[in-house]
Amino acid sequence: MKVLIYGYGNPGRQDDGLGNAFVNRIEEWVEEQRLQDFFFDSNYQLNIEDADAISDKDLVIFVDASKEEDLDGFCVSKVDQSTKVAFTTHAASPGYVVNLCRRIYKEAPPVFLMHIRGYEWDFREGLTEKANQNLVKALDYFKEKIADSKIKSEPEILEKAC
């Protein structure tokens, strides 16, 4: 089973870099554990080309910083046809990428979005202390789910209410 973990955001805008930081840390852990069939990507934003990137995967997890004030650390939601679809000349939403993949390739893998709560968005590098704590919680949660062999047959176990 090929799993893509794709973080996005701007590391030069403090907590907006949470998705990128998640990918960097989970990739190190996957290598240490010698796990197979995990693929990683990160970027400033999702693009229409990402429909191709997800088309040959069996499971995709997008990871992004969230400004949701009522979010307790992080959550994981399924991205499906009911997900808000948006595209501008600057960015594509996860729902847009999934729907574009379906339109072009006639199918799409199960896709989830991990939202990690951020707090500061100024033009400077480095995560805030509270955002880093949320990142650690999200990493621990995800590592536990990866260790559970059910993730391949039941990807819904990734969901954590938002």
Protein backbone atom coordinates (compact mmCIF):
# COMPACT_ATOMS: atom_id res chain seq x y z
CA MET A 1 0.00 0.00 0.00
CA LYS A 2 1.49 3.34 -1.08
CA VAL A 3 0.88 6.14 1.41
CA LEU A 4 1.61 9.78 0.58
CA ILE A 5 2.04 12.26 3.41
CA TYR A 6 1.96 15.79 2.01
CA GLY A 7 2.44 18.84 4.19
CA TYR A 8 1.96 22.36 2.97
CA GLY A 9 2.39 25.87 4.26
CA ASN A 10 4.98 28.61 4.50
CA PRO A 11 7.76 27.93 7.05
CA GLY A 12 8.70 31.61 6.80
CA ARG A 13 5.36 32.54 8.40
CA GLN A 14 5.82 30.92 11.81
CA ASP A 15 3.06 28.38 12.51
CA ASP A 16 2.03 28.25 8.85
CA GLY A 17 4.98 25.84 8.52
CA LEU A 18 3.31 23.15 10.67
CA GLY A 19 2.49 20.94 7.68
CA ASN A 20 6.06 21.05 6.42
CA ALA A 21 7.45 20.37 9.91
CA PHE A 22 5.12 17.39 10.29
CA VAL A 23 6.39 15.86 7.04
CA ASN A 24 10.05 16.40 7.99
CA ARG A 25 9.64 14.75 11.38
CA ILE A 26 7.43 11.86 10.30
CA GLU A 27 9.75 11.10 7.39
CA GLU A 28 12.68 10.78 9.80
CA TRP A 29 10.64 8.46 12.02
CA VAL A 30 9.49 6.28 9.10
CA GLU A 31 13.13 5.91 7.99
CA GLU A 32 14.22 5.01 11.55
CA GLN A 33 11.45 2.39 11.75
CA ARG A 34 12.40 1.09 8.28
CA LEU A 35 8.80 1.27 7.12
CA GLN A 36 8.14 0.72 3.45
CA ASP A 37 5.82 2.32 0.89
CA PHE A 38 5.62 5.76 2.47
CA PHE A 39 6.14 8.77 0.24
CA PHE A 40 6.57 12.39 1.32
CA ASP A 41 6.10 15.79 -0.21
CA SER A 42 5.78 19.34 1.01
CA ASN A 43 5.20 22.66 -0.64
CA TYR A 44 3.99 26.17 0.07
CA GLN A 45 0.54 25.27 -1.27
CA LEU A 46 -1.35 22.57 -3.12
CA ASN A 47 -1.40 22.83 -6.89
CA ILE A 48 -3.42 21.28 -9.68
CA GLU A 49 -0.43 19.05 -10.50
CA ASP A 50 -0.97 17.34 -7.16
CA ALA A 51 -3.93 15.49 -8.70
CA ASP A 52 -1.34 13.46 -10.58
CA ALA A 53 0.81 13.04 -7.45
CA ILE A 54 -2.05 11.39 -5.56
CA SER A 55 -3.42 9.35 -8.47
CA ASP A 56 -1.20 6.30 -7.95
CA LYS A 57 -1.35 6.25 -4.14
CA ASP A 58 -3.55 4.04 -1.97
CA LEU A 59 -3.88 6.56 0.85
CA VAL A 60 -3.09 10.29 1.07
CA ILE A 61 -2.77 12.46 4.16
CA PHE A 62 -2.51 16.21 3.62
CA VAL A 63 -1.21 18.17 6.62
CA ASP A 64 -1.77 21.89 7.12
CA ALA A 65 -1.75 24.54 9.82
CA SER A 66 -5.13 25.65 11.08
CA LYS A 67 -6.39 28.96 12.45
CA GLU A 68 -9.52 27.29 13.89
CA GLU A 69 -9.75 28.76 17.38
CA ASP A 70 -11.93 26.00 18.79
CA LEU A 71 -9.57 23.26 17.61
CA ASP A 72 -8.01 21.31 20.47
CA GLY A 73 -4.49 20.76 19.15
CA PHE A 74 -5.23 18.93 15.92
CA CYS A 75 -7.81 16.86 14.12
CA VAL A 76 -8.04 14.61 11.07
CA SER A 77 -10.96 14.76 8.67
CA LYS A 78 -11.78 12.81 5.55
CA VAL A 79 -11.65 14.75 2.29
CA ASP A 80 -14.48 13.68 0.01
CA GLN A 81 -16.94 14.97 -2.56
CA SER A 82 -18.74 17.04 0.07
CA THR A 83 -15.51 18.81 0.99
CA LYS A 84 -15.48 22.45 -0.01
CA VAL A 85 -13.87 22.63 -3.44
CA ALA A 86 -11.86 25.75 -4.16
CA PHE A 87 -9.27 26.90 -6.64
CA THR A 88 -7.69 30.28 -7.19
CA THR A 89 -4.69 31.22 -9.30
CA HIS A 90 -2.66 30.88 -6.09
CA ALA A 91 -3.84 27.67 -4.48
CA ALA A 92 -5.95 24.56 -4.69
CA SER A 93 -7.81 23.04 -1.73
CA PRO A 94 -7.50 19.33 -0.84
CA GLY A 95 -11.08 18.83 -2.08
CA TYR A 96 -10.23 20.43 -5.40
CA VAL A 97 -7.18 18.18 -5.84
CA VAL A 98 -9.23 15.05 -5.03
CA ASN A 99 -12.05 16.01 -7.38
CA LEU A 100 -9.60 16.85 -10.16
CA CYS A 101 -7.93 13.47 -9.65
CA ARG A 102 -11.33 11.78 -9.97
CA ARG A 103 -12.16 13.72 -13.13
CA ILE A 104 -8.85 12.96 -14.83
CA TYR A 105 -8.14 9.42 -13.60
CA LYS A 106 -11.74 8.27 -12.89
CA GLU A 107 -10.81 7.44 -9.30
CA ALA A 108 -9.00 8.81 -6.28
CA PRO A 109 -7.53 7.23 -3.16
CA PRO A 110 -8.93 7.81 0.32
CA VAL A 111 -7.68 11.26 1.36
CA PHE A 112 -7.51 12.81 4.82
CA LEU A 113 -6.58 16.28 6.02
CA MET A 114 -4.75 16.73 9.31
CA HIS A 115 -5.39 20.22 10.69
CA ILE A 116 -2.79 21.29 13.29
CA ARG A 117 -3.65 24.38 15.35
CA GLY A 118 -1.30 27.32 14.87
CA TYR A 119 -1.26 30.67 16.65
CA GLU A 120 1.17 33.12 15.03
CA TRP A 121 1.56 33.97 11.34
CA ASP A 122 4.20 36.72 11.25
CA PHE A 123 7.03 36.77 8.73
CA ARG A 124 9.62 34.84 10.69
CA GLU A 125 10.84 31.26 10.80
CA GLY A 126 10.16 28.84 13.61
CA LEU A 127 7.07 27.48 15.25
CA THR A 128 5.58 28.96 18.40
CA GLU A 129 5.85 26.86 21.53
CA LYS A 130 2.10 26.06 21.60
CA ALA A 131 2.10 25.10 17.91
CA ASN A 132 5.10 22.85 18.47
CA GLN A 133 3.23 21.13 21.33
CA ASN A 134 0.30 20.51 18.96
CA LEU A 135 2.73 19.16 16.36
CA VAL A 136 4.15 16.68 18.86
CA LYS A 137 0.61 15.51 19.78
CA ALA A 138 -0.24 15.08 16.09
CA LEU A 139 2.97 13.15 15.44
CA ASP A 140 2.37 10.83 18.41
CA TYR A 141 -1.19 10.19 17.25
CA PHE A 142 -0.10 9.48 13.69
CA LYS A 143 2.75 7.17 14.77
CA GLU A 144 0.28 5.18 16.84
CA LYS A 145 -2.05 4.86 13.84
CA ILE A 146 0.79 3.81 11.52
CA ALA A 147 1.85 1.16 14.02
CA ASP A 148 -1.70 -0.22 13.88
CA SER A 149 -1.71 -2.53 10.87
CA LYS A 150 -5.42 -1.77 10.33
CA ILE A 151 -4.54 1.55 8.69
CA LYS A 152 -4.04 -0.23 5.38
CA SER A 153 -7.40 -1.97 5.38
CA GLU A 154 -9.36 0.61 7.40
CA PRO A 155 -7.92 4.07 6.70
CA GLU A 156 -10.91 5.63 8.50
CA ILE A 157 -9.16 4.89 11.80
CA LEU A 158 -7.11 8.00 11.05
CA GLU A 159 -10.08 10.29 11.65
CA LYS A 160 -10.08 12.39 14.79
CA ALA A 161 -13.05 14.72 15.25
CA CYS A 162 -12.56 18.39 14.50
